[in-house]
Amino acid sequence: MPGYFVDTKVWMDAYLAAFAIRAGLPFATHDADFRRFEAAGLDPDLLVS
């Protein structure tokens, strides 16, 4: 698609989320942006620093 750009951080987050979802692994992170993948089945454990 011409002119379509996906930020590399979003791409990497999507990759990690998909890997955790597919493998059925728990996912712990400090990054609240991973909440965007909850609808896809990710249940992020948001850590507080």
N, C-alpha and C. Protein backbone atom coordinates (compact mmCIF):
# COMPACT_ATOMS: atom_id res chain seq x y z
N MET A 1 0.84 -1.16 0.00
CA MET A 1 0.00 0.00 0.00
C MET A 1 0.90 1.24 0.00
N PRO A 2 0.85 2.08 -0.99
CA PRO A 2 1.70 3.26 -1.07
C PRO A 2 1.42 4.23 0.08
N GLY A 3 2.49 4.74 0.66
CA GLY A 3 2.36 5.74 1.71
C GLY A 3 2.00 5.18 3.07
N TYR A 4 1.92 3.87 3.21
CA TYR A 4 1.56 3.26 4.49
C TYR A 4 2.83 2.94 5.25
N PHE A 5 2.92 3.38 6.50
CA PHE A 5 4.11 3.19 7.31
C PHE A 5 3.72 2.68 8.69
N VAL A 6 4.39 1.65 9.14
CA VAL A 6 4.18 1.13 10.49
C VAL A 6 5.48 1.34 11.26
N ASP A 7 5.36 2.00 12.39
CA ASP A 7 6.52 2.26 13.24
C ASP A 7 7.15 0.92 13.66
N THR A 8 8.47 0.86 13.68
CA THR A 8 9.16 -0.39 14.01
C THR A 8 8.85 -0.84 15.43
N LYS A 9 8.61 0.09 16.35
CA LYS A 9 8.26 -0.30 17.72
C LYS A 9 6.91 -1.01 17.74
N VAL A 10 5.94 -0.52 17.00
CA VAL A 10 4.63 -1.17 16.93
C VAL A 10 4.76 -2.54 16.29
N TRP A 11 5.58 -2.65 15.26
CA TRP A 11 5.78 -3.93 14.59
C TRP A 11 6.38 -4.94 15.56
N MET A 12 7.39 -4.53 16.32
CA MET A 12 8.03 -5.44 17.28
C MET A 12 7.08 -5.82 18.41
N ASP A 13 6.30 -4.86 18.90
CA ASP A 13 5.31 -5.17 19.93
C ASP A 13 4.30 -6.20 19.42
N ALA A 14 3.85 -6.03 18.18
CA ALA A 14 2.89 -6.96 17.59
C ALA A 14 3.50 -8.36 17.46
N TYR A 15 4.76 -8.42 17.09
CA TYR A 15 5.45 -9.71 16.96
C TYR A 15 5.53 -10.41 18.31
N LEU A 16 5.94 -9.68 19.34
CA LEU A 16 6.06 -10.28 20.67
C LEU A 16 4.70 -10.71 21.22
N ALA A 17 3.68 -9.87 20.99
CA ALA A 17 2.34 -10.21 21.45
C ALA A 17 1.83 -11.46 20.74
N ALA A 18 2.01 -11.54 19.44
CA ALA A 18 1.55 -12.70 18.68
C ALA A 18 2.26 -13.97 19.13
N PHE A 19 3.55 -13.87 19.39
CA PHE A 19 4.30 -15.03 19.86
C PHE A 19 3.76 -15.52 21.20
N ALA A 20 3.52 -14.60 22.13
CA ALA A 20 3.00 -14.98 23.45
C ALA A 20 1.59 -15.55 23.35
N ILE A 21 0.75 -14.94 22.51
CA ILE A 21 -0.62 -15.42 22.35
C ILE A 21 -0.61 -16.83 21.78
N ARG A 22 0.11 -17.04 20.71
CA ARG A 22 0.12 -18.34 20.02
C ARG A 22 0.71 -19.44 20.88
N ALA A 23 1.76 -19.10 21.65
CA ALA A 23 2.43 -20.10 22.49
C ALA A 23 1.72 -20.29 23.83
N GLY A 24 0.76 -19.42 24.14
CA GLY A 24 0.05 -19.52 25.41
C GLY A 24 0.92 -19.17 26.60
N LEU A 25 1.86 -18.26 26.36
CA LEU A 25 2.80 -17.87 27.41
C LEU A 25 2.32 -16.65 28.18
N PRO A 26 2.70 -16.54 29.45
CA PRO A 26 2.40 -15.31 30.19
C PRO A 26 3.26 -14.18 29.63
N PHE A 27 2.79 -12.96 29.77
CA PHE A 27 3.51 -11.82 29.21
C PHE A 27 3.58 -10.71 30.24
N ALA A 28 4.76 -10.44 30.75
CA ALA A 28 4.98 -9.39 31.74
C ALA A 28 5.76 -8.26 31.09
N THR A 29 5.34 -7.03 31.37
CA THR A 29 5.98 -5.87 30.75
C THR A 29 5.77 -4.61 31.58
N HIS A 30 6.61 -3.64 31.37
CA HIS A 30 6.43 -2.31 31.95
C HIS A 30 5.71 -1.39 30.97
N ASP A 31 5.55 -1.84 29.74
CA ASP A 31 5.01 -1.02 28.65
C ASP A 31 3.49 -1.18 28.53
N ALA A 32 2.75 -0.15 28.96
CA ALA A 32 1.28 -0.20 28.92
C ALA A 32 0.74 -0.22 27.49
N ASP A 33 1.57 0.07 26.50
CA ASP A 33 1.13 0.03 25.10
C ASP A 33 0.69 -1.37 24.68
N PHE A 34 1.12 -2.40 25.40
CA PHE A 34 0.73 -3.76 25.04
C PHE A 34 -0.76 -4.02 25.30
N ARG A 35 -1.43 -3.13 26.00
CA ARG A 35 -2.87 -3.29 26.21
C ARG A 35 -3.64 -3.26 24.89
N ARG A 36 -3.05 -2.67 23.87
CA ARG A 36 -3.73 -2.61 22.56
C ARG A 36 -3.95 -4.00 21.97
N PHE A 37 -3.24 -5.01 22.48
CA PHE A 37 -3.37 -6.37 21.96
C PHE A 37 -4.28 -7.26 22.82
N GLU A 38 -4.93 -6.69 23.81
CA GLU A 38 -5.84 -7.49 24.65
C GLU A 38 -6.99 -8.07 23.84
N ALA A 39 -7.49 -7.32 22.88
CA ALA A 39 -8.59 -7.81 22.05
C ALA A 39 -8.17 -9.03 21.22
N ALA A 40 -6.88 -9.15 20.96
CA ALA A 40 -6.36 -10.28 20.19
C ALA A 40 -6.08 -11.49 21.07
N GLY A 41 -6.20 -11.32 22.40
CA GLY A 41 -6.01 -12.45 23.29
C GLY A 41 -4.84 -12.33 24.24
N LEU A 42 -4.09 -11.25 24.16
CA LEU A 42 -2.96 -11.06 25.08
C LEU A 42 -3.49 -10.58 26.42
N ASP A 43 -2.95 -11.14 27.50
CA ASP A 43 -3.30 -10.70 28.84
C ASP A 43 -2.02 -10.19 29.51
N PRO A 44 -1.63 -8.95 29.20
CA PRO A 44 -0.35 -8.46 29.71
C PRO A 44 -0.38 -8.23 31.22
N ASP A 45 0.65 -8.67 31.90
CA ASP A 45 0.85 -8.41 33.32
C ASP A 45 1.71 -7.16 33.42
N LEU A 46 1.06 -6.02 33.68
CA LEU A 46 1.79 -4.76 33.71
C LEU A 46 2.51 -4.60 35.04
N LEU A 47 3.83 -4.51 34.97
CA LEU A 47 4.67 -4.38 36.15
C LEU A 47 4.82 -2.92 36.54
N VAL A 48 4.85 -2.66 37.82
CA VAL A 48 5.03 -1.30 38.33
C VAL A 48 6.46 -1.18 38.80
N SER A 49 7.14 -0.14 38.33
CA SER A 49 8.54 0.03 38.75
C SER A 49 8.65 0.94 39.94
